[in-house]
Amino acid sequence: MHISLRFFVFLCLFILTVSSVSGQTSELARIRIQGVNEELAANIRNHLAISAESCDTPLSRLNRLAPQVRTNIRNAANALGYYRSTFELSFSEPEECWLLSIYMVPGDQILVENVSVHIAFS
C-alpha cells in the first residue's frame, strides 16, 4: 500500500486538530441554573459573557466579574418578561474548572399583548 507524503501529513494534522479540539471540551466552564424553565435557562446562558473565561481563571477575577454577571442575568430575564426575578449566584472550583451556580426565583412572567404607539407632530 502506497500513501503519498502529502496525504500522510494531512492525516496527521487532522488527527492533531481533532484531538486538541476534543481536549478543550473537557475544560469548559460549567454553569448550573436552577429554579427556571429551559427557555429562561438558555437565555441566561446566551447572555453570559463570563462563559468565555478560561478554566484557569482565578476565583478572585470571577468574583470581580460578578456585577456584570448579575446584569447579564437580569437582562436575560427581562427579555422574556421576568421583571421581578430574584437570584443568587456563586462561583466555586469543584473539579478541573470553575462552576457558576445560579438559583433564581423568576416570578410571574409579564407578557405584552398589544402595543400602541402614537406620534404627534406639532
PDB file of N, CA and C in Angstrom:
ATOM      1  N   MET A   1       0.852  -1.180   0.000  1.00  0.00           N
ATOM      2  CA  MET A   1       0.000   0.000   0.000  1.00  0.00           C
ATOM      3  C   MET A   1       0.888   1.229   0.000  1.00  0.00           C
ATOM      4  N   HIS A   2       0.620   2.121  -0.905  1.00  0.00           N
ATOM      5  CA  HIS A   2       1.436   3.318  -1.065  1.00  0.00           C
ATOM      6  C   HIS A   2       0.620   4.545  -0.658  1.00  0.00           C
ATOM      7  N   ILE A   3       1.108   5.283   0.319  1.00  0.00           N
ATOM      8  CA  ILE A   3       0.445   6.513   0.770  1.00  0.00           C
ATOM      9  C   ILE A   3       1.373   7.669   0.468  1.00  0.00           C
ATOM     10  N   SER A   4       0.844   8.677  -0.174  1.00  0.00           N
ATOM     11  CA  SER A   4       1.687   9.810  -0.502  1.00  0.00           C
ATOM     12  C   SER A   4       2.050  10.598   0.761  1.00  0.00           C
ATOM     13  N   LEU A   5       3.161  11.261   0.714  1.00  0.00           N
ATOM     14  CA  LEU A   5       3.640  12.046   1.853  1.00  0.00           C
ATOM     15  C   LEU A   5       2.653  13.172   2.168  1.00  0.00           C
ATOM     16  N   ARG A   6       2.118  13.788   1.148  1.00  0.00           N
ATOM     17  CA  ARG A   6       1.166  14.893   1.337  1.00  0.00           C
ATOM     18  C   ARG A   6      -0.070  14.395   2.080  1.00  0.00           C
ATOM     19  N   PHE A   7      -0.597  13.247   1.694  1.00  0.00           N
ATOM     20  CA  PHE A   7      -1.766  12.683   2.367  1.00  0.00           C
ATOM     21  C   PHE A   7      -1.437  12.325   3.808  1.00  0.00           C
ATOM     22  N   PHE A   8      -0.270  11.758   4.038  1.00  0.00           N
ATOM     23  CA  PHE A   8       0.149  11.384   5.387  1.00  0.00           C
ATOM     24  C   PHE A   8       0.249  12.621   6.293  1.00  0.00           C
ATOM     25  N   VAL A   9       0.840  13.692   5.807  1.00  0.00           N
ATOM     26  CA  VAL A   9       0.947  14.930   6.586  1.00  0.00           C
ATOM     27  C   VAL A   9      -0.450  15.486   6.869  1.00  0.00           C
ATOM     28  N   PHE A  10      -1.299  15.488   5.870  1.00  0.00           N
ATOM     29  CA  PHE A  10      -2.666  15.967   6.061  1.00  0.00           C
ATOM     30  C   PHE A  10      -3.381  15.150   7.126  1.00  0.00           C
ATOM     31  N   LEU A  11      -3.236  13.832   7.071  1.00  0.00           N
ATOM     32  CA  LEU A  11      -3.885  12.955   8.038  1.00  0.00           C
ATOM     33  C   LEU A  11      -3.366  13.226   9.451  1.00  0.00           C
ATOM     34  N   CYS A  12      -2.076  13.394   9.609  1.00  0.00           N
ATOM     35  CA  CYS A  12      -1.503  13.687  10.927  1.00  0.00           C
ATOM     36  C   CYS A  12      -2.024  15.011  11.472  1.00  0.00           C
ATOM     37  N   LEU A  13      -2.050  16.039  10.632  1.00  0.00           N
ATOM     38  CA  LEU A  13      -2.564  17.343  11.072  1.00  0.00           C
ATOM     39  C   LEU A  13      -4.039  17.257  11.450  1.00  0.00           C
ATOM     40  N   PHE A  14      -4.805  16.510  10.699  1.00  0.00           N
ATOM     41  CA  PHE A  14      -6.224  16.341  11.005  1.00  0.00           C
ATOM     42  C   PHE A  14      -6.409  15.670  12.360  1.00  0.00           C
ATOM     43  N   ILE A  15      -5.659  14.621  12.623  1.00  0.00           N
ATOM     44  CA  ILE A  15      -5.766  13.911  13.897  1.00  0.00           C
ATOM     45  C   ILE A  15      -5.367  14.818  15.053  1.00  0.00           C
ATOM     46  N   LEU A  16      -4.314  15.592  14.887  1.00  0.00           N
ATOM     47  CA  LEU A  16      -3.888  16.529  15.933  1.00  0.00           C
ATOM     48  C   LEU A  16      -4.948  17.591  16.202  1.00  0.00           C
ATOM     49  N   THR A  17      -5.562  18.102  15.144  1.00  0.00           N
ATOM     50  CA  THR A  17      -6.601  19.119  15.298  1.00  0.00           C
ATOM     51  C   THR A  17      -7.806  18.558  16.037  1.00  0.00           C
ATOM     52  N   VAL A  18      -8.257  17.392  15.646  1.00  0.00           N
ATOM     53  CA  VAL A  18      -9.413  16.776  16.286  1.00  0.00           C
ATOM     54  C   VAL A  18      -9.126  16.486  17.756  1.00  0.00           C
ATOM     55  N   SER A  19      -7.950  15.975  18.052  1.00  0.00           N
ATOM     56  CA  SER A  19      -7.634  15.651  19.440  1.00  0.00           C
ATOM     57  C   SER A  19      -7.490  16.895  20.286  1.00  0.00           C
ATOM     58  N   SER A  20      -6.986  18.002  19.736  1.00  0.00           N
ATOM     59  CA  SER A  20      -6.856  19.229  20.532  1.00  0.00           C
ATOM     60  C   SER A  20      -8.214  19.865  20.768  1.00  0.00           C
ATOM     61  N   VAL A  21      -9.108  19.794  19.793  1.00  0.00           N
ATOM     62  CA  VAL A  21     -10.453  20.339  19.988  1.00  0.00           C
ATOM     63  C   VAL A  21     -11.209  19.506  21.007  1.00  0.00           C
ATOM     64  N   SER A  22     -11.116  18.194  20.921  1.00  0.00           N
ATOM     65  CA  SER A  22     -11.828  17.355  21.881  1.00  0.00           C
ATOM     66  C   SER A  22     -11.236  17.520  23.271  1.00  0.00           C
ATOM     67  N   GLY A  23      -9.951  17.802  23.396  1.00  0.00           N
ATOM     68  CA  GLY A  23      -9.341  18.040  24.690  1.00  0.00           C
ATOM     69  C   GLY A  23      -9.843  19.313  25.331  1.00  0.00           C
ATOM     70  N   GLN A  24     -10.196  20.311  24.528  1.00  0.00           N
ATOM     71  CA  GLN A  24     -10.680  21.578  25.064  1.00  0.00           C
ATOM     72  C   GLN A  24     -12.074  21.440  25.650  1.00  0.00           C
ATOM     73  N   THR A  25     -12.881  20.533  25.165  1.00  0.00           N
ATOM     74  CA  THR A  25     -14.248  20.440  25.650  1.00  0.00           C
ATOM     75  C   THR A  25     -14.309  20.031  27.105  1.00  0.00           C
ATOM     76  N   SER A  26     -13.310  19.305  27.597  1.00  0.00           N
ATOM     77  CA  SER A  26     -13.323  18.906  28.995  1.00  0.00           C
ATOM     78  C   SER A  26     -12.960  20.065  29.905  1.00  0.00           C
ATOM     79  N   GLU A  27     -12.437  21.162  29.334  1.00  0.00           N
ATOM     80  CA  GLU A  27     -12.016  22.298  30.140  1.00  0.00           C
ATOM     81  C   GLU A  27     -12.999  23.458  30.059  1.00  0.00           C
ATOM     82  N   LEU A  28     -14.202  23.219  29.612  1.00  0.00           N
ATOM     83  CA  LEU A  28     -15.185  24.285  29.542  1.00  0.00           C
ATOM     84  C   LEU A  28     -15.780  24.540  30.915  1.00  0.00           C
ATOM     85  N   ALA A  29     -15.992  25.820  31.209  1.00  0.00           N
ATOM     86  CA  ALA A  29     -16.614  26.181  32.477  1.00  0.00           C
ATOM     87  C   ALA A  29     -18.031  25.638  32.517  1.00  0.00           C
ATOM     88  N   ARG A  30     -18.482  25.355  33.732  1.00  0.00           N
ATOM     89  CA  ARG A  30     -19.842  24.855  33.890  1.00  0.00           C
ATOM     90  C   ARG A  30     -20.702  25.933  34.510  1.00  0.00           C
ATOM     91  N   ILE A  31     -21.922  25.993  34.035  1.00  0.00           N
ATOM     92  CA  ILE A  31     -22.898  26.950  34.559  1.00  0.00           C
ATOM     93  C   ILE A  31     -24.130  26.155  34.925  1.00  0.00           C
ATOM     94  N   ARG A  32     -24.484  26.182  36.201  1.00  0.00           N
ATOM     95  CA  ARG A  32     -25.657  25.458  36.699  1.00  0.00           C
ATOM     96  C   ARG A  32     -26.727  26.492  37.040  1.00  0.00           C
ATOM     97  N   ILE A  33     -27.899  26.342  36.427  1.00  0.00           N
ATOM     98  CA  ILE A  33     -29.009  27.273  36.654  1.00  0.00           C
ATOM     99  C   ILE A  33     -30.178  26.463  37.184  1.00  0.00           C
ATOM    100  N   GLN A  34     -30.679  26.853  38.346  1.00  0.00           N
ATOM    101  CA  GLN A  34     -31.790  26.140  38.979  1.00  0.00           C
ATOM    102  C   GLN A  34     -32.955  27.088  39.226  1.00  0.00           C
ATOM    103  N   GLY A  35     -34.160  26.512  39.213  1.00  0.00           N
ATOM    104  CA  GLY A  35     -35.361  27.264  39.545  1.00  0.00           C
ATOM    105  C   GLY A  35     -36.077  27.889  38.367  1.00  0.00           C
ATOM    106  N   VAL A  36     -35.589  27.638  37.150  1.00  0.00           N
ATOM    107  CA  VAL A  36     -36.192  28.259  35.971  1.00  0.00           C
ATOM    108  C   VAL A  36     -36.504  27.206  34.912  1.00  0.00           C
ATOM    109  N   ASN A  37     -37.332  27.584  33.938  1.00  0.00           N
ATOM    110  CA  ASN A  37     -37.637  26.688  32.831  1.00  0.00           C
ATOM    111  C   ASN A  37     -36.479  26.694  31.817  1.00  0.00           C
ATOM    112  N   GLU A  38     -36.520  25.786  30.874  1.00  0.00           N
ATOM    113  CA  GLU A  38     -35.435  25.638  29.893  1.00  0.00           C
ATOM    114  C   GLU A  38     -35.251  26.888  29.036  1.00  0.00           C
ATOM    115  N   GLU A  39     -36.344  27.528  28.668  1.00  0.00           N
ATOM    116  CA  GLU A  39     -36.256  28.723  27.825  1.00  0.00           C
ATOM    117  C   GLU A  39     -35.479  29.821  28.530  1.00  0.00           C
ATOM    118  N   LEU A  40     -35.807  30.073  29.791  1.00  0.00           N
ATOM    119  CA  LEU A  40     -35.121  31.113  30.553  1.00  0.00           C
ATOM    120  C   LEU A  40     -33.671  30.708  30.815  1.00  0.00           C
ATOM    121  N   ALA A  41     -33.427  29.460  31.147  1.00  0.00           N
ATOM    122  CA  ALA A  41     -32.058  28.994  31.387  1.00  0.00           C
ATOM    123  C   ALA A  41     -31.194  29.180  30.138  1.00  0.00           C
ATOM    124  N   ALA A  42     -31.738  28.844  28.984  1.00  0.00           N
ATOM    125  CA  ALA A  42     -30.991  29.009  27.731  1.00  0.00           C
ATOM    126  C   ALA A  42     -30.716  30.476  27.451  1.00  0.00           C
ATOM    127  N   ASN A  43     -31.685  31.334  27.743  1.00  0.00           N
ATOM    128  CA  ASN A  43     -31.492  32.759  27.505  1.00  0.00           C
ATOM    129  C   ASN A  43     -30.431  33.327  28.450  1.00  0.00           C
ATOM    130  N   ILE A  44     -30.428  32.870  29.686  1.00  0.00           N
ATOM    131  CA  ILE A  44     -29.396  33.307  30.629  1.00  0.00           C
ATOM    132  C   ILE A  44     -28.023  32.876  30.119  1.00  0.00           C
ATOM    133  N   ARG A  45     -27.893  31.625  29.708  1.00  0.00           N
ATOM    134  CA  ARG A  45     -26.609  31.135  29.188  1.00  0.00           C
ATOM    135  C   ARG A  45     -26.141  31.962  27.989  1.00  0.00           C
ATOM    136  N   ASN A  46     -27.090  32.317  27.120  1.00  0.00           N
ATOM    137  CA  ASN A  46     -26.739  33.105  25.934  1.00  0.00           C
ATOM    138  C   ASN A  46     -26.300  34.519  26.284  1.00  0.00           C
ATOM    139  N   HIS A  47     -26.782  35.062  27.392  1.00  0.00           N
ATOM    140  CA  HIS A  47     -26.423  36.420  27.799  1.00  0.00           C
ATOM    141  C   HIS A  47     -25.123  36.492  28.603  1.00  0.00           C
ATOM    142  N   LEU A  48     -24.656  35.378  29.119  1.00  0.00           N
ATOM    143  CA  LEU A  48     -23.485  35.394  29.999  1.00  0.00           C
ATOM    144  C   LEU A  48     -22.188  35.502  29.205  1.00  0.00           C
ATOM    145  N   ALA A  49     -21.535  36.639  29.330  1.00  0.00           N
ATOM    146  CA  ALA A  49     -20.244  36.820  28.676  1.00  0.00           C
ATOM    147  C   ALA A  49     -19.145  36.082  29.425  1.00  0.00           C
ATOM    148  N   ILE A  50     -19.378  35.739  30.677  1.00  0.00           N
ATOM    149  CA  ILE A  50     -18.358  35.095  31.503  1.00  0.00           C
ATOM    150  C   ILE A  50     -18.021  33.693  31.036  1.00  0.00           C
ATOM    151  N   SER A  51     -18.879  33.075  30.261  1.00  0.00           N
ATOM    152  CA  SER A  51     -18.607  31.710  29.799  1.00  0.00           C
ATOM    153  C   SER A  51     -17.376  31.655  28.906  1.00  0.00           C
ATOM    154  N   ALA A  52     -16.898  32.803  28.436  1.00  0.00           N
ATOM    155  CA  ALA A  52     -15.687  32.851  27.628  1.00  0.00           C
ATOM    156  C   ALA A  52     -14.419  32.795  28.482  1.00  0.00           C
ATOM    157  N   GLU A  53     -14.557  32.919  29.796  1.00  0.00           N
ATOM    158  CA  GLU A  53     -13.395  32.854  30.691  1.00  0.00           C
ATOM    159  C   GLU A  53     -12.824  31.438  30.693  1.00  0.00           C
ATOM    160  N   SER A  54     -11.516  31.345  30.751  1.00  0.00           N
ATOM    161  CA  SER A  54     -10.871  30.033  30.734  1.00  0.00           C
ATOM    162  C   SER A  54     -11.001  29.344  32.086  1.00  0.00           C
ATOM    163  N   CYS A  55     -10.720  28.065  32.075  1.00  0.00           N
ATOM    164  CA  CYS A  55     -10.834  27.263  33.293  1.00  0.00           C
ATOM    165  C   CYS A  55      -9.831  27.658  34.361  1.00  0.00           C
ATOM    166  N   ASP A  56      -8.724  28.232  33.957  1.00  0.00           N
ATOM    167  CA  ASP A  56      -7.730  28.609  34.950  1.00  0.00           C
ATOM    168  C   ASP A  56      -7.917  30.046  35.464  1.00  0.00           C
ATOM    169  N   THR A  57      -9.057  30.648  35.151  1.00  0.00           N
ATOM    170  CA  THR A  57      -9.354  31.978  35.685  1.00  0.00           C
ATOM    171  C   THR A  57      -9.491  31.888  37.198  1.00  0.00           C
ATOM    172  N   PRO A  58      -8.759  32.722  37.936  1.00  0.00           N
ATOM    173  CA  PRO A  58      -8.842  32.666  39.400  1.00  0.00           C
ATOM    174  C   PRO A  58     -10.219  33.088  39.913  1.00  0.00           C
ATOM    175  N   LEU A  59     -10.608  32.522  41.049  1.00  0.00           N
ATOM    176  CA  LEU A  59     -11.888  32.886  41.661  1.00  0.00           C
ATOM    177  C   LEU A  59     -11.953  34.367  41.974  1.00  0.00           C
ATOM    178  N   SER A  60     -10.824  34.970  42.315  1.00  0.00           N
ATOM    179  CA  SER A  60     -10.823  36.409  42.621  1.00  0.00           C
ATOM    180  C   SER A  60     -11.279  37.223  41.411  1.00  0.00           C
ATOM    181  N   ARG A  61     -10.830  36.847  40.207  1.00  0.00           N
ATOM    182  CA  ARG A  61     -11.281  37.545  38.991  1.00  0.00           C
ATOM    183  C   ARG A  61     -12.761  37.277  38.733  1.00  0.00           C
ATOM    184  N   LEU A  62     -13.171  36.033  38.884  1.00  0.00           N
ATOM    185  CA  LEU A  62     -14.577  35.693  38.664  1.00  0.00           C
ATOM    186  C   LEU A  62     -15.471  36.488  39.607  1.00  0.00           C
ATOM    187  N   ASN A  63     -15.065  36.611  40.855  1.00  0.00           N
ATOM    188  CA  ASN A  63     -15.865  37.381  41.809  1.00  0.00           C
ATOM    189  C   ASN A  63     -15.899  38.861  41.456  1.00  0.00           C
ATOM    190  N   ARG A  64     -14.821  39.380  40.870  1.00  0.00           N
ATOM    191  CA  ARG A  64     -14.835  40.780  40.413  1.00  0.00           C
ATOM    192  C   ARG A  64     -15.789  40.966  39.234  1.00  0.00           C
ATOM    193  N   LEU A  65     -15.996  39.900  38.463  1.00  0.00           N
ATOM    194  CA  LEU A  65     -16.917  39.961  37.317  1.00  0.00           C
ATOM    195  C   LEU A  65     -18.378  39.759  37.722  1.00  0.00           C
ATOM    196  N   ALA A  66     -18.627  39.441  38.980  1.00  0.00           N
ATOM    197  CA  ALA A  66     -19.988  39.148  39.447  1.00  0.00           C
ATOM    198  C   ALA A  66     -20.991  40.262  39.148  1.00  0.00           C
ATOM    199  N   PRO A  67     -20.652  41.561  39.328  1.00  0.00           N
ATOM    200  CA  PRO A  67     -21.646  42.595  38.982  1.00  0.00           C
ATOM    201  C   PRO A  67     -22.092  42.540  37.517  1.00  0.00           C
ATOM    202  N   GLN A  68     -21.145  42.272  36.604  1.00  0.00           N
ATOM    203  CA  GLN A  68     -21.517  42.149  35.188  1.00  0.00           C
ATOM    204  C   GLN A  68     -22.375  40.903  34.956  1.00  0.00           C
ATOM    205  N   VAL A  69     -22.058  39.825  35.651  1.00  0.00           N
ATOM    206  CA  VAL A  69     -22.855  38.597  35.543  1.00  0.00           C
ATOM    207  C   VAL A  69     -24.279  38.867  36.019  1.00  0.00           C
ATOM    208  N   ARG A  70     -24.416  39.604  37.119  1.00  0.00           N
ATOM    209  CA  ARG A  70     -25.752  39.961  37.628  1.00  0.00           C
ATOM    210  C   ARG A  70     -26.534  40.766  36.591  1.00  0.00           C
ATOM    211  N   THR A  71     -25.871  41.701  35.953  1.00  0.00           N
ATOM    212  CA  THR A  71     -26.527  42.494  34.902  1.00  0.00           C
ATOM    213  C   THR A  71     -26.936  41.609  33.732  1.00  0.00           C
ATOM    214  N   ASN A  72     -26.055  40.689  33.324  1.00  0.00           N
ATOM    215  CA  ASN A  72     -26.381  39.765  32.233  1.00  0.00           C
ATOM    216  C   ASN A  72     -27.603  38.920  32.560  1.00  0.00           C
ATOM    217  N   ILE A  73     -27.675  38.419  33.799  1.00  0.00           N
ATOM    218  CA  ILE A  73     -28.802  37.581  34.220  1.00  0.00           C
ATOM    219  C   ILE A  73     -30.086  38.404  34.227  1.00  0.00           C
ATOM    220  N   ARG A  74     -30.015  39.607  34.789  1.00  0.00           N
ATOM    221  CA  ARG A  74     -31.200  40.477  34.854  1.00  0.00           C
ATOM    222  C   ARG A  74     -31.704  40.798  33.435  1.00  0.00           C
ATOM    223  N   ASN A  75     -30.796  41.124  32.522  1.00  0.00           N
ATOM    224  CA  ASN A  75     -31.182  41.434  31.138  1.00  0.00           C
ATOM    225  C   ASN A  75     -31.815  40.226  30.453  1.00  0.00           C
ATOM    226  N   ALA A  76     -31.273  39.039  30.704  1.00  0.00           N
ATOM    227  CA  ALA A  76     -31.827  37.819  30.103  1.00  0.00           C
ATOM    228  C   ALA A  76     -33.237  37.557  30.619  1.00  0.00           C
ATOM    229  N   ALA A  77     -33.454  37.747  31.909  1.00  0.00           N
ATOM    230  CA  ALA A  77     -34.786  37.535  32.487  1.00  0.00           C
ATOM    231  C   ALA A  77     -35.765  38.585  31.973  1.00  0.00           C
ATOM    232  N   ASN A  78     -35.337  39.838  31.948  1.00  0.00           N
ATOM    233  CA  ASN A  78     -36.210  40.917  31.471  1.00  0.00           C
ATOM    234  C   ASN A  78     -36.625  40.714  30.020  1.00  0.00           C
ATOM    235  N   ALA A  79     -35.720  40.196  29.213  1.00  0.00           N
ATOM    236  CA  ALA A  79     -36.016  39.991  27.789  1.00  0.00           C
ATOM    237  C   ALA A  79     -37.178  39.031  27.579  1.00  0.00           C
ATOM    238  N   LEU A  80     -37.401  38.136  28.542  1.00  0.00           N
ATOM    239  CA  LEU A  80     -38.501  37.172  28.426  1.00  0.00           C
ATOM    240  C   LEU A  80     -39.692  37.522  29.308  1.00  0.00           C
ATOM    241  N   GLY A  81     -39.684  38.736  29.868  1.00  0.00           N
ATOM    242  CA  GLY A  81     -40.829  39.195  30.642  1.00  0.00           C
ATOM    243  C   GLY A  81     -40.768  38.893  32.129  1.00  0.00           C
ATOM    244  N   TYR A  82     -39.632  38.470  32.636  1.00  0.00           N
ATOM    245  CA  TYR A  82     -39.481  38.208  34.070  1.00  0.00           C
ATOM    246  C   TYR A  82     -38.824  39.433  34.709  1.00  0.00           C
ATOM    247  N   TYR A  83     -39.651  40.435  35.014  1.00  0.00           N
ATOM    248  CA  TYR A  83     -39.148  41.714  35.502  1.00  0.00           C
ATOM    249  C   TYR A  83     -38.943  41.747  37.011  1.00  0.00           C
ATOM    250  N   ARG A  84     -39.488  40.806  37.734  1.00  0.00           N
ATOM    251  CA  ARG A  84     -39.376  40.803  39.186  1.00  0.00           C
ATOM    252  C   ARG A  84     -38.651  39.557  39.695  1.00  0.00           C
ATOM    253  N   SER A  85     -37.719  39.088  38.930  1.00  0.00           N
ATOM    254  CA  SER A  85     -36.983  37.893  39.339  1.00  0.00           C
ATOM    255  C   SER A  85     -35.963  38.235  40.428  1.00  0.00           C
ATOM    256  N   THR A  86     -35.694  37.263  41.254  1.00  0.00           N
ATOM    257  CA  THR A  86     -34.617  37.374  42.235  1.00  0.00           C
ATOM    258  C   THR A  86     -33.701  36.177  42.048  1.00  0.00           C
ATOM    259  N   PHE A  87     -32.424  36.359  42.350  1.00  0.00           N
ATOM    260  CA  PHE A  87     -31.484  35.254  42.156  1.00  0.00           C
ATOM    261  C   PHE A  87     -30.275  35.432  43.056  1.00  0.00           C
ATOM    262  N   GLU A  88     -29.611  34.317  43.266  1.00  0.00           N
ATOM    263  CA  GLU A  88     -28.340  34.278  43.967  1.00  0.00           C
ATOM    264  C   GLU A  88     -27.349  33.575  43.054  1.00  0.00           C
ATOM    265  N   LEU A  89     -26.106  34.003  43.103  1.00  0.00           N
ATOM    266  CA  LEU A  89     -25.088  33.335  42.319  1.00  0.00           C
ATOM    267  C   LEU A  89     -23.843  33.128  43.161  1.00  0.00           C
ATOM    268  N   SER A  90     -23.091  32.099  42.809  1.00  0.00           N
ATOM    269  CA  SER A  90     -21.829  31.833  43.493  1.00  0.00           C
ATOM    270  C   SER A  90     -20.880  31.113  42.546  1.00  0.00           C
ATOM    271  N   PHE A  91     -19.601  31.358  42.755  1.00  0.00           N
ATOM    272  CA  PHE A  91     -18.553  30.691  41.995  1.00  0.00           C
ATOM    273  C   PHE A  91     -17.862  29.684  42.903  1.00  0.00           C
ATOM    274  N   SER A  92     -17.457  28.573  42.318  1.00  0.00           N
ATOM    275  CA  SER A  92     -16.677  27.586  43.053  1.00  0.00           C
ATOM    276  C   SER A  92     -15.772  26.851  42.074  1.00  0.00           C
ATOM    277  N   GLU A  93     -14.812  26.100  42.623  1.00  0.00           N
ATOM    278  CA  GLU A  93     -13.907  25.289  41.806  1.00  0.00           C
ATOM    279  C   GLU A  93     -13.976  23.844  42.274  1.00  0.00           C
ATOM    280  N   PRO A  94     -15.070  23.140  41.944  1.00  0.00           N
ATOM    281  CA  PRO A  94     -15.225  21.780  42.449  1.00  0.00           C
ATOM    282  C   PRO A  94     -14.326  20.750  41.776  1.00  0.00           C
ATOM    283  N   GLU A  95     -13.961  20.985  40.530  1.00  0.00           N
ATOM    284  CA  GLU A  95     -13.186  19.998  39.777  1.00  0.00           C
ATOM    285  C   GLU A  95     -12.100  20.718  39.003  1.00  0.00           C
ATOM    286  N   GLU A  96     -11.902  20.336  37.767  1.00  0.00           N
ATOM    287  CA  GLU A  96     -10.832  20.928  36.971  1.00  0.00           C
ATOM    288  C   GLU A  96     -11.169  22.317  36.447  1.00  0.00           C
ATOM    289  N   CYS A  97     -12.398  22.744  36.544  1.00  0.00           N
ATOM    290  CA  CYS A  97     -12.803  24.049  36.034  1.00  0.00           C
ATOM    291  C   CYS A  97     -13.804  24.688  36.981  1.00  0.00           C
ATOM    292  N   TRP A  98     -13.896  26.003  36.917  1.00  0.00           N
ATOM    293  CA  TRP A  98     -14.810  26.701  37.812  1.00  0.00           C
ATOM    294  C   TRP A  98     -16.264  26.419  37.463  1.00  0.00           C
ATOM    295  N   LEU A  99     -17.128  26.665  38.441  1.00  0.00           N
ATOM    296  CA  LEU A  99     -18.570  26.445  38.312  1.00  0.00           C
ATOM    297  C   LEU A  99     -19.288  27.699  38.758  1.00  0.00           C
ATOM    298  N   LEU A 100     -20.215  28.166  37.947  1.00  0.00           N
ATOM    299  CA  LEU A 100     -21.113  29.260  38.323  1.00  0.00           C
ATOM    300  C   LEU A 100     -22.461  28.635  38.632  1.00  0.00           C
ATOM    301  N   SER A 101     -22.919  28.806  39.863  1.00  0.00           N
ATOM    302  CA  SER A 101     -24.235  28.299  40.273  1.00  0.00           C
ATOM    303  C   SER A 101     -25.176  29.475  40.413  1.00  0.00           C
ATOM    304  N   ILE A 102     -26.322  29.356  39.772  1.00  0.00           N
ATOM    305  CA  ILE A 102     -27.350  30.407  39.828  1.00  0.00           C
ATOM    306  C   ILE A 102     -28.630  29.759  40.308  1.00  0.00           C
ATOM    307  N   TYR A 103     -29.203  30.316  41.359  1.00  0.00           N
ATOM    308  CA  TYR A 103     -30.521  29.878  41.805  1.00  0.00           C
ATOM    309  C   TYR A 103     -31.450  31.066  41.635  1.00  0.00           C
ATOM    310  N   MET A 104     -32.504  30.908  40.842  1.00  0.00           N
ATOM    311  CA  MET A 104     -33.391  32.019  40.518  1.00  0.00           C
ATOM    312  C   MET A 104     -34.833  31.688  40.860  1.00  0.00           C
ATOM    313  N   VAL A 105     -35.514  32.686  41.384  1.00  0.00           N
ATOM    314  CA  VAL A 105     -36.967  32.657  41.512  1.00  0.00           C
ATOM    315  C   VAL A 105     -37.447  33.669  40.478  1.00  0.00           C
ATOM    316  N   PRO A 106     -37.966  33.193  39.344  1.00  0.00           N
ATOM    317  CA  PRO A 106     -38.265  34.112  38.244  1.00  0.00           C
ATOM    318  C   PRO A 106     -39.463  35.024  38.476  1.00  0.00           C
ATOM    319  N   GLY A 107     -40.381  34.634  39.336  1.00  0.00           N
ATOM    320  CA  GLY A 107     -41.596  35.430  39.500  1.00  0.00           C
ATOM    321  C   GLY A 107     -42.527  35.210  38.323  1.00  0.00           C
ATOM    322  N   ASP A 108     -43.583  36.003  38.281  1.00  0.00           N
ATOM    323  CA  ASP A 108     -44.560  35.875  37.189  1.00  0.00           C
ATOM    324  C   ASP A 108     -44.029  36.509  35.917  1.00  0.00           C
ATOM    325  N   GLN A 109     -44.281  35.842  34.816  1.00  0.00           N
ATOM    326  CA  GLN A 109     -43.902  36.376  33.512  1.00  0.00           C
ATOM    327  C   GLN A 109     -44.944  37.385  33.069  1.00  0.00           C
ATOM    328  N   ILE A 110     -44.487  38.542  32.656  1.00  0.00           N
ATOM    329  CA  ILE A 110     -45.388  39.592  32.183  1.00  0.00           C
ATOM    330  C   ILE A 110     -45.261  39.657  30.666  1.00  0.00           C
ATOM    331  N   LEU A 111     -46.360  39.367  29.999  1.00  0.00           N
ATOM    332  CA  LEU A 111     -46.369  39.386  28.544  1.00  0.00           C
ATOM    333  C   LEU A 111     -47.167  40.580  28.050  1.00  0.00           C
ATOM    334  N   VAL A 112     -46.621  41.263  27.087  1.00  0.00           N
ATOM    335  CA  VAL A 112     -47.298  42.408  26.489  1.00  0.00           C
ATOM    336  C   VAL A 112     -48.065  41.895  25.282  1.00  0.00           C
ATOM    337  N   GLU A 113     -49.394  42.115  25.302  1.00  0.00           N
ATOM    338  CA  GLU A 113     -50.215  41.625  24.199  1.00  0.00           C
ATOM    339  C   GLU A 113     -50.373  42.654  23.088  1.00  0.00           C
ATOM    340  N   ASN A 114     -50.567  43.894  23.467  1.00  0.00           N
ATOM    341  CA  ASN A 114     -50.770  44.951  22.468  1.00  0.00           C
ATOM    342  C   ASN A 114     -49.880  46.143  22.785  1.00  0.00           C
ATOM    343  N   VAL A 115     -49.323  46.716  21.737  1.00  0.00           N
ATOM    344  CA  VAL A 115     -48.533  47.927  21.884  1.00  0.00           C
ATOM    345  C   VAL A 115     -49.130  48.946  20.934  1.00  0.00           C
ATOM    346  N   SER A 116     -49.405  50.103  21.471  1.00  0.00           N
ATOM    347  CA  SER A 116     -49.967  51.173  20.656  1.00  0.00           C
ATOM    348  C   SER A 116     -49.042  52.368  20.747  1.00  0.00           C
ATOM    349  N   VAL A 117     -48.555  52.821  19.597  1.00  0.00           N
ATOM    350  CA  VAL A 117     -47.648  53.951  19.549  1.00  0.00           C
ATOM    351  C   VAL A 117     -48.331  55.068  18.753  1.00  0.00           C
ATOM    352  N   HIS A 118     -48.417  56.225  19.347  1.00  0.00           N
ATOM    353  CA  HIS A 118     -48.990  57.401  18.699  1.00  0.00           C
ATOM    354  C   HIS A 118     -47.905  58.457  18.592  1.00  0.00           C
ATOM    355  N   ILE A 119     -47.702  58.965  17.386  1.00  0.00           N
ATOM    356  CA  ILE A 119     -46.701  60.018  17.166  1.00  0.00           C
ATOM    357  C   ILE A 119     -47.463  61.266  16.770  1.00  0.00           C
ATOM    358  N   ALA A 120     -47.244  62.326  17.535  1.00  0.00           N
ATOM    359  CA  ALA A 120     -47.914  63.594  17.260  1.00  0.00           C
ATOM    360  C   ALA A 120     -46.873  64.632  16.863  1.00  0.00           C
ATOM    361  N   PHE A 121     -47.154  65.334  15.791  1.00  0.00           N
ATOM    362  CA  PHE A 121     -46.271  66.420  15.342  1.00  0.00           C
ATOM    363  C   PHE A 121     -46.927  67.749  15.684  1.00  0.00           C
ATOM    364  N   SER A 122     -46.110  68.669  16.123  1.00  0.00           N
ATOM    365  CA  SER A 122     -46.694  69.990  16.461  1.00  0.00           C
ATOM    366  C   SER A 122     -46.358  71.031  15.440  1.00  0.00           C
TER     367      SER A 122
END
